[in-house]
Amino acid sequence: QNALLGVQTDNYQLPLFTKDRKRVELLLNAATRCDASGEIVGVVGVGQDITEINQSQAEMTRVANDLTLLIDTANAPIFGIDANGLVNEWNRKAAEITGFSKEEVMGQSLVRKFITAEFQDSVQEVLQKALAGEETANFEFPLYTHKGEPVDILLNAATRRDASGSIVGVVGVGQDITDRK
């Protein structure tokens, strides 16, 4: 309708039904067609079937939500840092063990803010190795709680990569081993 008024329509999604009642998602672009004198005489439309693309995006969203839920509800402290060492993931168990909420730690330097001075260098080294693609398993260190109490953590530090394979950070999966010491 807008195209008949001279307004181009870009990326308009609409559902269509095939002859056998199957729903198809269409991405439509429509432009006004004018005659030699500039009078609108019709509309030229180009459509693309985006049904599979929409289904793939919905599935990716579902999987991402499932993984987020898995990480958040895991019975192990899980954190993530970006390439600069700033916290970008902090699950419920990490919050429970440390007393620091996700909101309090996001964007903070993991090493400078939450690791004692005596362990900052060794934890930084483990994280730097992971940022270089070398993962570390079973690394022990104390993490300090909101109340200043030490919690002994056994950590696995894994390299985090984006869709193109570039290293973008580290995921740490820990275990509270305080009671075992």
N, C-alpha and C. Protein backbone atom coordinates (compact mmCIF):
# COMPACT_ATOMS: atom_id res chain seq x y z
N GLN A 1 0.83 -1.19 0.00
CA GLN A 1 0.00 0.00 0.00
C GLN A 1 0.87 1.26 0.00
N ASN A 2 1.92 1.28 0.83
CA ASN A 2 2.82 2.44 0.86
C ASN A 2 3.48 2.66 -0.49
N ALA A 3 3.85 1.56 -1.16
CA ALA A 3 4.50 1.69 -2.47
C ALA A 3 3.58 2.36 -3.47
N LEU A 4 2.28 2.13 -3.37
CA LEU A 4 1.33 2.80 -4.27
C LEU A 4 1.24 4.29 -4.00
N LEU A 5 1.69 4.71 -2.82
CA LEU A 5 1.71 6.13 -2.47
C LEU A 5 3.07 6.76 -2.75
N GLY A 6 3.99 5.97 -3.32
CA GLY A 6 5.30 6.50 -3.65
C GLY A 6 6.35 6.28 -2.58
N VAL A 7 6.03 5.51 -1.55
CA VAL A 7 6.97 5.26 -0.46
C VAL A 7 7.52 3.84 -0.62
N GLN A 8 8.83 3.75 -0.71
CA GLN A 8 9.46 2.43 -0.85
C GLN A 8 9.33 1.67 0.46
N THR A 9 9.09 0.39 0.37
CA THR A 9 8.98 -0.48 1.54
C THR A 9 10.15 -1.45 1.52
N ASP A 10 10.93 -1.45 2.60
CA ASP A 10 12.09 -2.33 2.69
C ASP A 10 11.91 -3.33 3.82
N ASN A 11 12.29 -4.56 3.56
CA ASN A 11 12.38 -5.61 4.57
C ASN A 11 11.10 -5.78 5.39
N TYR A 12 10.01 -5.89 4.71
CA TYR A 12 8.72 -6.12 5.36
C TYR A 12 8.49 -7.63 5.41
N GLN A 13 8.31 -8.16 6.62
CA GLN A 13 8.08 -9.59 6.77
C GLN A 13 6.59 -9.87 6.84
N LEU A 14 6.18 -10.88 6.11
CA LEU A 14 4.78 -11.27 6.19
C LEU A 14 4.65 -12.76 5.97
N PRO A 15 3.66 -13.36 6.63
CA PRO A 15 3.43 -14.79 6.44
C PRO A 15 2.53 -15.02 5.22
N LEU A 16 2.82 -16.05 4.49
CA LEU A 16 1.97 -16.50 3.38
C LEU A 16 1.69 -17.98 3.60
N PHE A 17 0.61 -18.45 3.01
CA PHE A 17 0.29 -19.86 3.11
C PHE A 17 0.29 -20.46 1.72
N THR A 18 0.96 -21.59 1.59
CA THR A 18 1.01 -22.26 0.30
C THR A 18 -0.33 -22.94 0.01
N LYS A 19 -0.43 -23.47 -1.18
CA LYS A 19 -1.66 -24.14 -1.58
C LYS A 19 -2.02 -25.28 -0.63
N ASP A 20 -0.99 -25.95 -0.09
CA ASP A 20 -1.26 -27.05 0.85
C ASP A 20 -1.25 -26.58 2.31
N ARG A 21 -1.48 -25.29 2.54
CA ARG A 21 -1.67 -24.66 3.86
C ARG A 21 -0.39 -24.63 4.71
N LYS A 22 0.75 -24.73 4.08
CA LYS A 22 2.01 -24.62 4.79
C LYS A 22 2.37 -23.14 4.91
N ARG A 23 2.74 -22.73 6.13
CA ARG A 23 3.10 -21.33 6.36
C ARG A 23 4.53 -21.07 5.87
N VAL A 24 4.71 -19.97 5.16
CA VAL A 24 6.00 -19.55 4.64
C VAL A 24 6.20 -18.09 5.05
N GLU A 25 7.38 -17.78 5.56
CA GLU A 25 7.71 -16.40 5.93
C GLU A 25 8.39 -15.74 4.74
N LEU A 26 7.92 -14.57 4.37
CA LEU A 26 8.43 -13.87 3.20
C LEU A 26 9.00 -12.52 3.63
N LEU A 27 10.15 -12.17 3.09
CA LEU A 27 10.74 -10.85 3.28
C LEU A 27 10.52 -10.10 1.98
N LEU A 28 9.82 -8.98 2.07
CA LEU A 28 9.39 -8.27 0.88
C LEU A 28 9.99 -6.87 0.82
N ASN A 29 10.42 -6.49 -0.38
CA ASN A 29 10.83 -5.13 -0.68
C ASN A 29 9.95 -4.67 -1.84
N ALA A 30 9.34 -3.51 -1.70
CA ALA A 30 8.44 -3.02 -2.74
C ALA A 30 8.78 -1.58 -3.09
N ALA A 31 8.76 -1.29 -4.39
CA ALA A 31 9.06 0.06 -4.88
C ALA A 31 7.98 0.47 -5.88
N THR A 32 7.76 1.75 -5.94
CA THR A 32 6.78 2.31 -6.86
C THR A 32 7.29 2.20 -8.30
N ARG A 33 6.37 1.88 -9.19
CA ARG A 33 6.68 1.84 -10.63
C ARG A 33 5.93 3.00 -11.27
N CYS A 34 6.65 3.85 -11.98
CA CYS A 34 6.05 5.04 -12.60
C CYS A 34 6.19 4.97 -14.12
N ASP A 35 5.26 5.65 -14.80
CA ASP A 35 5.35 5.74 -16.26
C ASP A 35 6.27 6.91 -16.63
N ALA A 36 6.37 7.19 -17.92
CA ALA A 36 7.28 8.23 -18.41
C ALA A 36 6.95 9.61 -17.86
N SER A 37 5.68 9.85 -17.54
CA SER A 37 5.29 11.17 -17.03
C SER A 37 5.39 11.25 -15.50
N GLY A 38 5.83 10.17 -14.84
CA GLY A 38 5.97 10.18 -13.39
C GLY A 38 4.76 9.72 -12.63
N GLU A 39 3.72 9.30 -13.34
CA GLU A 39 2.51 8.81 -12.68
C GLU A 39 2.75 7.39 -12.16
N ILE A 40 2.26 7.13 -10.97
CA ILE A 40 2.37 5.80 -10.40
C ILE A 40 1.45 4.85 -11.16
N VAL A 41 2.05 3.78 -11.68
CA VAL A 41 1.27 2.82 -12.46
C VAL A 41 1.29 1.42 -11.83
N GLY A 42 2.05 1.27 -10.77
CA GLY A 42 2.10 -0.05 -10.14
C GLY A 42 3.21 -0.14 -9.11
N VAL A 43 3.43 -1.35 -8.72
CA VAL A 43 4.43 -1.63 -7.69
C VAL A 43 5.29 -2.80 -8.17
N VAL A 44 6.57 -2.69 -7.94
CA VAL A 44 7.49 -3.80 -8.20
C VAL A 44 7.89 -4.35 -6.84
N GLY A 45 7.67 -5.61 -6.65
CA GLY A 45 8.01 -6.24 -5.38
C GLY A 45 8.96 -7.40 -5.58
N VAL A 46 9.89 -7.52 -4.66
CA VAL A 46 10.82 -8.64 -4.67
C VAL A 46 10.70 -9.31 -3.31
N GLY A 47 10.41 -10.59 -3.35
CA GLY A 47 10.25 -11.33 -2.10
C GLY A 47 11.27 -12.44 -1.99
N GLN A 48 11.58 -12.79 -0.76
CA GLN A 48 12.52 -13.86 -0.48
C GLN A 48 11.94 -14.73 0.61
N ASP A 49 11.97 -16.04 0.41
CA ASP A 49 11.50 -16.98 1.42
C ASP A 49 12.54 -17.04 2.54
N ILE A 50 12.17 -16.58 3.72
CA ILE A 50 13.10 -16.57 4.86
C ILE A 50 12.64 -17.53 5.95
N THR A 51 11.81 -18.48 5.60
CA THR A 51 11.27 -19.43 6.57
C THR A 51 12.40 -20.17 7.28
N GLU A 52 13.33 -20.74 6.53
CA GLU A 52 14.42 -21.51 7.14
C GLU A 52 15.34 -20.62 7.97
N ILE A 53 15.58 -19.40 7.50
CA ILE A 53 16.42 -18.47 8.26
C ILE A 53 15.76 -18.16 9.59
N ASN A 54 14.47 -17.86 9.59
CA ASN A 54 13.75 -17.58 10.83
C ASN A 54 13.76 -18.78 11.76
N GLN A 55 13.58 -19.98 11.20
CA GLN A 55 13.61 -21.19 12.03
C GLN A 55 14.99 -21.40 12.64
N SER A 56 16.04 -21.16 11.86
CA SER A 56 17.41 -21.30 12.37
C SER A 56 17.69 -20.28 13.47
N GLN A 57 17.23 -19.04 13.27
CA GLN A 57 17.43 -18.02 14.30
C GLN A 57 16.68 -18.37 15.57
N ALA A 58 15.47 -18.88 15.44
CA ALA A 58 14.69 -19.29 16.61
C ALA A 58 15.38 -20.43 17.34
N GLU A 59 15.94 -21.37 16.60
CA GLU A 59 16.66 -22.49 17.22
C GLU A 59 17.93 -22.01 17.91
N MET A 60 18.66 -21.09 17.28
CA MET A 60 19.87 -20.54 17.92
C MET A 60 19.51 -19.80 19.20
N THR A 61 18.43 -19.06 19.19
CA THR A 61 17.99 -18.35 20.39
C THR A 61 17.62 -19.34 21.49
N ARG A 62 16.93 -20.42 21.12
CA ARG A 62 16.55 -21.44 22.09
C ARG A 62 17.79 -22.08 22.71
N VAL A 63 18.77 -22.44 21.87
CA VAL A 63 19.99 -23.07 22.36
C VAL A 63 20.76 -22.10 23.26
N ALA A 64 20.86 -20.84 22.85
CA ALA A 64 21.56 -19.84 23.67
C ALA A 64 20.87 -19.68 25.02
N ASN A 65 19.55 -19.65 25.03
CA ASN A 65 18.81 -19.54 26.29
C ASN A 65 19.03 -20.76 27.16
N ASP A 66 19.05 -21.95 26.55
CA ASP A 66 19.30 -23.18 27.31
C ASP A 66 20.69 -23.17 27.92
N LEU A 67 21.70 -22.74 27.15
CA LEU A 67 23.06 -22.69 27.66
C LEU A 67 23.21 -21.65 28.77
N THR A 68 22.55 -20.52 28.60
CA THR A 68 22.57 -19.49 29.65
C THR A 68 21.97 -20.03 30.93
N LEU A 69 20.86 -20.74 30.81
CA LEU A 69 20.22 -21.34 31.98
C LEU A 69 21.12 -22.39 32.61
N LEU A 70 21.76 -23.21 31.80
CA LEU A 70 22.67 -24.25 32.30
C LEU A 70 23.82 -23.63 33.08
N ILE A 71 24.42 -22.59 32.53
CA ILE A 71 25.53 -21.92 33.22
C ILE A 71 25.05 -21.26 34.50
N ASP A 72 23.94 -20.56 34.42
CA ASP A 72 23.46 -19.80 35.57
C ASP A 72 23.05 -20.71 36.73
N THR A 73 22.52 -21.89 36.43
CA THR A 73 22.01 -22.76 37.49
C THR A 73 22.97 -23.89 37.85
N ALA A 74 24.15 -23.93 37.25
CA ALA A 74 25.13 -24.97 37.56
C ALA A 74 25.52 -24.91 39.03
N ASN A 75 25.81 -26.06 39.58
CA ASN A 75 26.21 -26.14 40.99
C ASN A 75 27.73 -25.98 41.11
N ALA A 76 28.29 -25.12 40.29
CA ALA A 76 29.72 -24.80 40.31
C ALA A 76 29.85 -23.33 39.99
N PRO A 77 30.80 -22.65 40.62
CA PRO A 77 31.00 -21.25 40.26
C PRO A 77 31.57 -21.15 38.84
N ILE A 78 30.91 -20.36 38.02
CA ILE A 78 31.35 -20.15 36.64
C ILE A 78 31.43 -18.64 36.41
N PHE A 79 32.56 -18.22 35.87
CA PHE A 79 32.72 -16.81 35.54
C PHE A 79 33.32 -16.69 34.15
N GLY A 80 33.19 -15.53 33.58
CA GLY A 80 33.82 -15.24 32.30
C GLY A 80 34.49 -13.89 32.38
N ILE A 81 35.60 -13.77 31.65
CA ILE A 81 36.25 -12.47 31.51
C ILE A 81 36.45 -12.21 30.02
N ASP A 82 36.54 -10.94 29.68
CA ASP A 82 36.84 -10.58 28.29
C ASP A 82 38.36 -10.54 28.11
N ALA A 83 38.81 -10.13 26.96
CA ALA A 83 40.24 -10.11 26.66
C ALA A 83 41.01 -9.12 27.53
N ASN A 84 40.32 -8.20 28.18
CA ASN A 84 40.96 -7.23 29.07
C ASN A 84 40.90 -7.65 30.53
N GLY A 85 40.38 -8.83 30.81
CA GLY A 85 40.32 -9.32 32.18
C GLY A 85 39.12 -8.82 32.96
N LEU A 86 38.16 -8.22 32.28
CA LEU A 86 36.97 -7.70 32.95
C LEU A 86 35.87 -8.75 32.97
N VAL A 87 35.22 -8.89 34.09
CA VAL A 87 34.18 -9.91 34.26
C VAL A 87 33.01 -9.63 33.33
N ASN A 88 32.62 -10.65 32.56
CA ASN A 88 31.45 -10.53 31.69
C ASN A 88 30.46 -11.69 31.87
N GLU A 89 30.75 -12.55 32.83
CA GLU A 89 29.82 -13.63 33.20
C GLU A 89 30.08 -13.98 34.66
N TRP A 90 28.99 -14.24 35.39
CA TRP A 90 29.09 -14.54 36.81
C TRP A 90 27.81 -15.27 37.17
N ASN A 91 27.90 -16.57 37.38
CA ASN A 91 26.67 -17.32 37.61
C ASN A 91 26.22 -17.26 39.07
N ARG A 92 25.07 -17.87 39.33
CA ARG A 92 24.48 -17.80 40.67
C ARG A 92 25.37 -18.42 41.73
N LYS A 93 26.04 -19.53 41.40
CA LYS A 93 26.90 -20.20 42.38
C LYS A 93 28.10 -19.32 42.71
N ALA A 94 28.66 -18.63 41.73
CA ALA A 94 29.76 -17.70 42.01
C ALA A 94 29.27 -16.59 42.94
N ALA A 95 28.06 -16.11 42.70
CA ALA A 95 27.49 -15.08 43.57
C ALA A 95 27.25 -15.62 44.98
N GLU A 96 26.75 -16.84 45.06
CA GLU A 96 26.47 -17.45 46.37
C GLU A 96 27.75 -17.65 47.17
N ILE A 97 28.78 -18.16 46.54
CA ILE A 97 30.04 -18.44 47.23
C ILE A 97 30.74 -17.16 47.68
N THR A 98 30.74 -16.16 46.82
CA THR A 98 31.51 -14.94 47.12
C THR A 98 30.71 -13.86 47.84
N GLY A 99 29.39 -13.90 47.69
CA GLY A 99 28.57 -12.83 48.25
C GLY A 99 28.50 -11.61 47.36
N PHE A 100 29.17 -11.65 46.20
CA PHE A 100 29.11 -10.56 45.23
C PHE A 100 28.07 -10.91 44.18
N SER A 101 27.11 -10.03 43.98
CA SER A 101 26.08 -10.27 42.96
C SER A 101 26.68 -10.08 41.57
N LYS A 102 25.99 -10.60 40.59
CA LYS A 102 26.42 -10.43 39.20
C LYS A 102 26.55 -8.96 38.86
N GLU A 103 25.60 -8.15 39.31
CA GLU A 103 25.61 -6.72 39.02
C GLU A 103 26.85 -6.04 39.61
N GLU A 104 27.31 -6.51 40.77
CA GLU A 104 28.47 -5.90 41.42
C GLU A 104 29.78 -6.21 40.70
N VAL A 105 29.86 -7.37 40.06
CA VAL A 105 31.14 -7.78 39.48
C VAL A 105 31.27 -7.49 37.98
N MET A 106 30.16 -7.36 37.29
CA MET A 106 30.22 -7.16 35.84
C MET A 106 31.04 -5.91 35.51
N GLY A 107 32.00 -6.09 34.59
CA GLY A 107 32.84 -4.97 34.16
C GLY A 107 34.02 -4.69 35.08
N GLN A 108 34.13 -5.43 36.18
CA GLN A 108 35.24 -5.23 37.12
C GLN A 108 36.42 -6.14 36.73
N SER A 109 37.61 -5.74 37.11
CA SER A 109 38.79 -6.57 36.88
C SER A 109 38.75 -7.74 37.85
N LEU A 110 38.70 -8.95 37.32
CA LEU A 110 38.64 -10.14 38.17
C LEU A 110 39.85 -10.21 39.09
N VAL A 111 41.03 -10.06 38.53
CA VAL A 111 42.26 -10.24 39.30
C VAL A 111 42.44 -9.12 40.31
N ARG A 112 42.34 -7.87 39.89
CA ARG A 112 42.60 -6.74 40.81
C ARG A 112 41.55 -6.62 41.90
N LYS A 113 40.31 -6.97 41.60
CA LYS A 113 39.22 -6.73 42.54
C LYS A 113 38.92 -7.92 43.46
N PHE A 114 39.12 -9.14 42.98
CA PHE A 114 38.63 -10.30 43.73
C PHE A 114 39.69 -11.32 44.11
N ILE A 115 40.94 -11.08 43.75
CA ILE A 115 42.03 -12.00 44.06
C ILE A 115 43.01 -11.28 44.99
N THR A 116 43.48 -11.99 46.02
CA THR A 116 44.42 -11.38 46.97
C THR A 116 45.73 -11.07 46.28
N ALA A 117 46.45 -10.09 46.83
CA ALA A 117 47.70 -9.62 46.23
C ALA A 117 48.69 -10.77 46.02
N GLU A 118 48.77 -11.69 46.96
CA GLU A 118 49.76 -12.77 46.85
C GLU A 118 49.46 -13.75 45.71
N PHE A 119 48.21 -13.81 45.25
CA PHE A 119 47.85 -14.74 44.17
C PHE A 119 47.53 -14.03 42.85
N GLN A 120 47.58 -12.71 42.84
CA GLN A 120 47.23 -11.98 41.61
C GLN A 120 48.11 -12.36 40.43
N ASP A 121 49.42 -12.47 40.65
CA ASP A 121 50.32 -12.81 39.54
C ASP A 121 50.04 -14.20 38.98
N SER A 122 49.86 -15.18 39.86
CA SER A 122 49.65 -16.55 39.37
C SER A 122 48.29 -16.70 38.69
N VAL A 123 47.26 -16.06 39.22
CA VAL A 123 45.94 -16.11 38.57
C VAL A 123 46.00 -15.38 37.24
N GLN A 124 46.67 -14.23 37.21
CA GLN A 124 46.82 -13.49 35.96
C GLN A 124 47.54 -14.33 34.91
N GLU A 125 48.54 -15.07 35.33
CA GLU A 125 49.28 -15.94 34.40
C GLU A 125 48.37 -17.02 33.81
N VAL A 126 47.55 -17.65 34.64
CA VAL A 126 46.61 -18.67 34.16
C VAL A 126 45.64 -18.07 33.15
N LEU A 127 45.13 -16.88 33.46
CA LEU A 127 44.18 -16.23 32.55
C LEU A 127 44.86 -15.81 31.25
N GLN A 128 46.09 -15.32 31.34
CA GLN A 128 46.82 -14.92 30.13
C GLN A 128 47.11 -16.14 29.24
N LYS A 129 47.43 -17.27 29.86
CA LYS A 129 47.64 -18.49 29.08
C LYS A 129 46.35 -18.87 28.34
N ALA A 130 45.23 -18.80 29.04
CA ALA A 130 43.95 -19.13 28.40
C ALA A 130 43.65 -18.15 27.27
N LEU A 131 44.00 -16.89 27.46
CA LEU A 131 43.80 -15.89 26.40
C LEU A 131 44.73 -16.14 25.21
N ALA A 132 45.79 -16.91 25.44
CA ALA A 132 46.71 -17.28 24.35
C ALA A 132 46.36 -18.66 23.78
N GLY A 133 45.27 -19.26 24.28
CA GLY A 133 44.83 -20.55 23.75
C GLY A 133 45.29 -21.75 24.54
N GLU A 134 46.00 -21.53 25.64
CA GLU A 134 46.51 -22.63 26.47
C GLU A 134 45.65 -22.74 27.73
N GLU A 135 44.86 -23.78 27.79
CA GLU A 135 43.93 -23.94 28.90
C GLU A 135 44.62 -24.56 30.11
N THR A 136 44.10 -24.26 31.29
CA THR A 136 44.66 -24.76 32.55
C THR A 136 43.59 -25.50 33.32
N ALA A 137 43.98 -26.66 33.86
CA ALA A 137 43.05 -27.45 34.68
C ALA A 137 43.59 -27.57 36.09
N ASN A 138 42.68 -27.61 37.05
CA ASN A 138 42.99 -27.89 38.46
C ASN A 138 43.98 -26.91 39.07
N PHE A 139 43.72 -25.64 38.88
CA PHE A 139 44.53 -24.58 39.48
C PHE A 139 43.85 -24.13 40.76
N GLU A 140 44.58 -24.17 41.88
CA GLU A 140 44.01 -23.78 43.17
C GLU A 140 44.42 -22.35 43.53
N PHE A 141 43.44 -21.61 44.05
CA PHE A 141 43.72 -20.27 44.54
C PHE A 141 42.59 -19.83 45.47
N PRO A 142 42.87 -18.87 46.35
CA PRO A 142 41.80 -18.35 47.21
C PRO A 142 41.10 -17.17 46.53
N LEU A 143 39.80 -17.20 46.60
CA LEU A 143 38.96 -16.11 46.12
C LEU A 143 38.35 -15.49 47.36
N TYR A 144 38.38 -14.18 47.44
CA TYR A 144 37.87 -13.55 48.65
C TYR A 144 36.42 -13.14 48.50
N THR A 145 35.67 -13.38 49.57
CA THR A 145 34.24 -13.07 49.57
C THR A 145 34.01 -11.60 49.86
N HIS A 146 32.77 -11.23 49.77
CA HIS A 146 32.34 -9.86 50.08
C HIS A 146 32.72 -9.49 51.51
N LYS A 147 32.76 -10.48 52.40
CA LYS A 147 33.10 -10.25 53.81
C LYS A 147 34.60 -10.35 54.07
N GLY A 148 35.39 -10.58 53.02
CA GLY A 148 36.84 -10.66 53.18
C GLY A 148 37.34 -12.03 53.59
N GLU A 149 36.50 -13.03 53.53
CA GLU A 149 36.89 -14.39 53.91
C GLU A 149 37.37 -15.15 52.68
N PRO A 150 38.43 -15.98 52.86
CA PRO A 150 38.93 -16.74 51.71
C PRO A 150 38.06 -17.96 51.42
N VAL A 151 37.89 -18.24 50.13
CA VAL A 151 37.23 -19.45 49.67
C VAL A 151 38.23 -20.11 48.72
N ASP A 152 38.60 -21.35 49.02
CA ASP A 152 39.55 -22.05 48.16
C ASP A 152 38.82 -22.60 46.94
N ILE A 153 39.34 -22.23 45.77
CA ILE A 153 38.72 -22.60 44.49
C ILE A 153 39.69 -23.47 43.70
N LEU A 154 39.16 -24.53 43.12
CA LEU A 154 39.88 -25.35 42.15
C LEU A 154 39.31 -24.95 40.79
N LEU A 155 40.16 -24.41 39.93
CA LEU A 155 39.69 -23.77 38.70
C LEU A 155 40.18 -24.47 37.45
N ASN A 156 39.30 -24.55 36.47
CA ASN A 156 39.65 -24.88 35.09
C ASN A 156 39.40 -23.62 34.28
N ALA A 157 40.43 -23.15 33.59
CA ALA A 157 40.31 -21.94 32.78
C ALA A 157 40.37 -22.33 31.31
N ALA A 158 39.29 -22.04 30.59
CA ALA A 158 39.18 -22.41 29.18
C ALA A 158 39.10 -21.17 28.30
N THR A 159 39.71 -21.26 27.15
CA THR A 159 39.69 -20.19 26.16
C THR A 159 38.28 -20.04 25.61
N ARG A 160 37.83 -18.80 25.49
CA ARG A 160 36.51 -18.52 24.91
C ARG A 160 36.73 -17.88 23.54
N ARG A 161 36.04 -18.43 22.54
CA ARG A 161 36.21 -17.95 21.17
C ARG A 161 34.87 -17.48 20.60
N ASP A 162 34.95 -16.56 19.65
CA ASP A 162 33.73 -16.11 18.96
C ASP A 162 33.45 -17.04 17.78
N ALA A 163 32.43 -16.72 17.02
CA ALA A 163 31.99 -17.59 15.92
C ALA A 163 33.07 -17.77 14.86
N SER A 164 33.96 -16.80 14.71
CA SER A 164 35.02 -16.91 13.70
C SER A 164 36.27 -17.59 14.23
N GLY A 165 36.26 -17.98 15.52
CA GLY A 165 37.40 -18.67 16.10
C GLY A 165 38.39 -17.77 16.81
N SER A 166 38.15 -16.47 16.81
CA SER A 166 39.05 -15.54 17.49
C SER A 166 38.85 -15.63 19.00
N ILE A 167 39.94 -15.53 19.73
CA ILE A 167 39.87 -15.58 21.19
C ILE A 167 39.29 -14.27 21.70
N VAL A 168 38.24 -14.38 22.52
CA VAL A 168 37.58 -13.18 23.04
C VAL A 168 37.56 -13.13 24.57
N GLY A 169 38.05 -14.18 25.21
CA GLY A 169 38.04 -14.17 26.67
C GLY A 169 38.32 -15.54 27.24
N VAL A 170 37.95 -15.67 28.51
CA VAL A 170 38.18 -16.91 29.25
C VAL A 170 36.91 -17.26 30.00
N VAL A 171 36.63 -18.55 30.05
CA VAL A 171 35.56 -19.06 30.90
C VAL A 171 36.24 -19.86 32.00
N GLY A 172 35.89 -19.54 33.23
CA GLY A 172 36.43 -20.26 34.37
C GLY A 172 35.33 -21.07 35.03
N VAL A 173 35.59 -22.35 35.20
CA VAL A 173 34.66 -23.23 35.92
C VAL A 173 35.40 -23.70 37.15
N GLY A 174 34.82 -23.41 38.30
CA GLY A 174 35.50 -23.72 39.54
C GLY A 174 34.76 -24.70 40.41
N GLN A 175 35.41 -25.02 41.49
CA GLN A 175 34.81 -25.86 42.51
C GLN A 175 35.29 -25.33 43.85
N ASP A 176 34.36 -25.15 44.78
CA ASP A 176 34.70 -24.70 46.12
C ASP A 176 35.27 -25.90 46.88
N ILE A 177 36.57 -25.86 47.18
CA ILE A 177 37.21 -26.97 47.90
C ILE A 177 37.61 -26.56 49.31
N THR A 178 37.03 -25.49 49.81
CA THR A 178 37.37 -24.98 51.14
C THR A 178 37.21 -26.04 52.21
N ASP A 179 36.11 -26.78 52.18
CA ASP A 179 35.84 -27.80 53.20
C ASP A 179 36.78 -28.99 53.12
N ARG A 180 37.47 -29.17 52.02
CA ARG A 180 38.38 -30.31 51.84
C ARG A 180 39.76 -30.04 52.41
N LYS A 181 40.02 -28.81 52.76
CA LYS A 181 41.37 -28.46 53.24
C LYS A 181 41.46 -28.54 54.74
